[in-house]
Amino acid sequence: MLRQTAFGMALSTLVLASGFMTAVPGNPAKNKSANQPSSNLASQVATSNLTFETTTLEKSVFEQINLYRVSQGLPKLTLNTHITRQARIHSQNMAQGKVPFSHQGFERRVNAIPLIYNSAAENVAFNLGYSNPASQAVIGWLKSPGHLKNIQGNYNLTGVGVATNQRGEVYLTQLFLHTR
């Protein structure tokens, strides 16, 4: 089941979409070292007068979501490189115009992750003109019932992917998985 929510903010643009699936069969784990850091993660794009290091934005989203979860008495999520890779690919594809800003291909993304899981969810955001696009995405997600449900959900792993383009647009994807 996919749900979408969209709204804009004054002077700058922030658009959000959330989706989730439950009881989706996961792929068998092919690589047990799921939390190993990945090489070539750093990506930097100049956007008008702002420059964002996408991995810094990814880390910021991850940390802010975990701070929120802990403040609500929920366990922290563990960052997983396989999940991050799929989130990053989706953000890059949206930023490059290969796919629309949406959850298009969500099931394919989560099935490409070499982990066995019970459920999965996804939050995406698009923004332009903010000095801190990661914080703006998290603020928007926390104010949206569908996104908040995913953030508060019974998940134990996550991955965050951020991509920007030459127009200054920032695309953010966060995937959530509950592994067996």
Protein backbone atom coordinates (compact mmCIF):
# COMPACT_ATOMS: atom_id res chain seq x y z
CA MET A 1 0.00 0.00 0.00
CA LEU A 2 1.42 3.37 -0.95
CA ARG A 3 0.32 6.65 0.54
CA GLN A 4 1.41 10.08 -0.57
CA THR A 5 1.29 13.41 1.14
CA ALA A 6 2.45 16.65 -0.42
CA PHE A 7 2.60 20.23 0.78
CA GLY A 8 4.69 23.32 0.18
CA MET A 9 6.32 25.83 2.50
CA ALA A 10 6.67 29.59 1.95
CA LEU A 11 9.72 30.95 0.10
CA SER A 12 11.28 27.53 -0.21
CA THR A 13 9.75 24.35 -1.49
CA LEU A 14 9.39 21.12 0.46
CA VAL A 15 7.41 18.21 -0.94
CA LEU A 16 7.01 14.91 0.92
CA ALA A 17 5.76 11.45 0.10
CA SER A 18 5.51 8.38 2.31
CA GLY A 19 4.71 4.78 1.63
CA PHE A 20 4.85 1.50 3.43
CA MET A 21 4.38 -2.18 2.93
CA THR A 22 3.88 -4.87 5.53
CA ALA A 23 4.57 -8.60 5.49
CA VAL A 24 6.62 -8.33 2.32
CA PRO A 25 8.90 -11.29 1.78
CA GLY A 26 12.55 -10.29 1.82
CA ASN A 27 15.42 -11.63 -0.16
CA PRO A 28 17.79 -14.07 1.51
CA ALA A 29 20.85 -12.38 2.93
CA LYS A 30 23.77 -12.69 0.57
CA ASN A 31 26.24 -10.63 2.57
CA LYS A 32 26.27 -10.82 6.35
CA SER A 33 28.51 -7.75 6.74
CA ALA A 34 25.54 -5.42 6.20
CA ASN A 35 26.86 -2.62 8.38
CA GLN A 36 30.29 -2.26 6.81
CA PRO A 37 31.01 1.25 5.57
CA SER A 38 30.84 1.68 1.84
CA SER A 39 33.56 3.35 -0.20
CA ASN A 40 32.93 6.19 -2.66
CA LEU A 41 30.06 7.56 -0.60
CA ALA A 42 31.11 11.20 -0.73
CA SER A 43 29.32 13.22 -3.35
CA GLN A 44 29.27 17.00 -3.53
CA VAL A 45 27.13 19.17 -5.76
CA ALA A 46 27.12 22.95 -6.01
CA THR A 47 23.57 24.31 -6.01
CA SER A 48 23.41 28.01 -6.86
CA ASN A 49 25.07 29.62 -3.85
CA LEU A 50 24.80 26.51 -1.66
CA THR A 51 27.02 23.42 -1.68
CA PHE A 52 25.79 20.26 0.00
CA GLU A 53 27.82 17.17 0.77
CA THR A 54 25.17 14.53 0.34
CA THR A 55 26.71 12.06 2.78
CA THR A 56 26.65 14.74 5.48
CA LEU A 57 22.95 15.28 4.78
CA GLU A 58 22.32 11.52 4.92
CA LYS A 59 24.07 11.30 8.28
CA SER A 60 22.07 14.27 9.56
CA VAL A 61 18.73 12.68 8.61
CA PHE A 62 19.77 9.39 10.25
CA GLU A 63 20.85 11.12 13.47
CA GLN A 64 17.76 13.33 13.68
CA ILE A 65 15.40 10.38 13.18
CA ASN A 66 17.18 8.39 15.88
CA LEU A 67 17.10 11.37 18.27
CA TYR A 68 13.36 11.59 17.71
CA ARG A 69 12.87 7.84 18.20
CA VAL A 70 14.82 7.87 21.47
CA SER A 71 12.81 10.89 22.68
CA GLN A 72 9.66 8.80 22.12
CA GLY A 73 11.03 5.75 23.97
CA LEU A 74 11.62 3.84 20.73
CA PRO A 75 14.81 1.93 19.94
CA LYS A 76 17.38 3.48 17.65
CA LEU A 77 17.53 2.31 14.06
CA THR A 78 20.74 0.78 12.73
CA LEU A 79 22.11 2.26 9.54
CA ASN A 80 22.64 -0.40 6.87
CA THR A 81 24.80 0.15 3.79
CA HIS A 82 22.67 -2.08 1.55
CA ILE A 83 19.54 -0.13 2.43
CA THR A 84 21.38 3.19 2.06
CA ARG A 85 22.55 2.16 -1.40
CA GLN A 86 18.96 1.58 -2.57
CA ALA A 87 17.78 4.85 -0.97
CA ARG A 88 20.65 6.72 -2.62
CA ILE A 89 19.93 5.22 -6.05
CA HIS A 90 16.29 6.28 -5.79
CA SER A 91 17.22 9.83 -4.78
CA GLN A 92 19.75 10.04 -7.62
CA ASN A 93 17.21 8.76 -10.13
CA MET A 94 14.67 11.36 -9.00
CA ALA A 95 17.27 14.16 -9.06
CA GLN A 96 18.34 13.18 -12.59
CA GLY A 97 14.73 12.97 -13.80
CA LYS A 98 14.96 9.23 -14.53
CA VAL A 99 11.90 8.62 -12.34
CA PRO A 100 9.30 11.06 -11.02
CA PHE A 101 9.28 12.23 -7.43
CA SER A 102 7.35 9.26 -6.09
CA HIS A 103 7.55 5.76 -4.68
CA GLN A 104 7.76 4.30 -8.16
CA GLY A 105 9.79 1.09 -7.88
CA PHE A 106 9.48 0.86 -4.09
CA GLU A 107 8.90 -2.89 -4.06
CA ARG A 108 11.78 -3.44 -6.48
CA ARG A 109 14.07 -1.32 -4.25
CA VAL A 110 13.35 -3.24 -1.08
CA ASN A 111 13.52 -6.60 -2.86
CA ALA A 112 17.00 -5.66 -4.14
CA ILE A 113 18.25 -5.44 -0.55
CA PRO A 114 19.98 -8.73 0.35
CA LEU A 115 18.24 -9.09 3.72
CA ILE A 116 15.29 -11.11 4.97
CA TYR A 117 12.66 -8.71 6.28
CA ASN A 118 9.05 -8.70 7.48
CA SER A 119 8.05 -5.17 6.55
CA ALA A 120 9.38 -2.09 4.85
CA ALA A 121 8.48 1.59 4.53
CA GLU A 122 9.75 4.60 2.66
CA ASN A 123 9.70 8.36 3.16
CA VAL A 124 10.80 10.69 0.39
CA ALA A 125 11.19 14.45 0.30
CA PHE A 126 12.12 17.04 -2.25
CA ASN A 127 13.17 20.54 -1.35
CA LEU A 128 14.74 23.63 -2.82
CA GLY A 129 16.11 26.78 -1.25
CA TYR A 130 16.72 25.64 2.32
CA SER A 131 20.13 26.07 3.93
CA ASN A 132 19.58 22.80 5.82
CA PRO A 133 17.54 20.50 3.55
CA ALA A 134 17.97 17.46 5.83
CA SER A 135 16.43 19.21 8.83
CA GLN A 136 13.60 20.60 6.70
CA ALA A 137 12.78 17.11 5.41
CA VAL A 138 12.76 15.67 8.93
CA ILE A 139 10.61 18.54 10.25
CA GLY A 140 8.14 17.96 7.42
CA TRP A 141 8.09 14.20 7.96
CA LEU A 142 7.45 14.61 11.69
CA LYS A 143 4.48 16.91 10.98
CA SER A 144 2.92 14.46 8.51
CA PRO A 145 0.88 11.54 9.93
CA GLY A 146 1.94 9.07 7.23
CA HIS A 147 5.63 9.89 7.52
CA LEU A 148 5.46 9.93 11.30
CA LYS A 149 3.90 6.46 11.27
CA ASN A 150 6.90 5.19 9.30
CA ILE A 151 9.39 6.95 11.59
CA GLN A 152 7.71 5.52 14.70
CA GLY A 153 7.18 2.10 13.13
CA ASN A 154 8.45 -1.25 14.30
CA TYR A 155 11.63 -1.14 12.21
CA ASN A 156 15.20 -1.93 13.20
CA LEU A 157 17.21 -1.02 10.09
CA THR A 158 17.28 2.05 7.91
CA GLY A 159 19.11 3.62 5.03
CA VAL A 160 19.15 7.22 3.87
CA GLY A 161 20.03 8.48 0.41
CA VAL A 162 20.34 12.09 -0.69
CA ALA A 163 20.99 13.50 -4.15
CA THR A 164 21.07 16.99 -5.57
CA ASN A 165 21.05 18.34 -9.08
CA GLN A 166 22.29 21.46 -10.87
CA ARG A 167 18.95 23.23 -10.29
CA GLY A 168 19.57 23.14 -6.54
CA GLU A 169 16.89 20.54 -5.88
CA VAL A 170 17.59 18.13 -3.02
CA TYR A 171 15.95 14.68 -3.04
CA LEU A 172 15.91 12.58 0.13
CA THR A 173 14.85 8.96 0.55
CA GLN A 174 14.71 7.04 3.80
CA LEU A 175 13.91 3.33 3.76
CA PHE A 176 12.90 1.44 6.90
CA LEU A 177 13.07 -2.35 7.30
CA HIS A 178 12.14 -4.75 10.06
CA THR A 179 14.34 -7.82 9.73
CA ARG A 180 13.42 -11.22 11.04
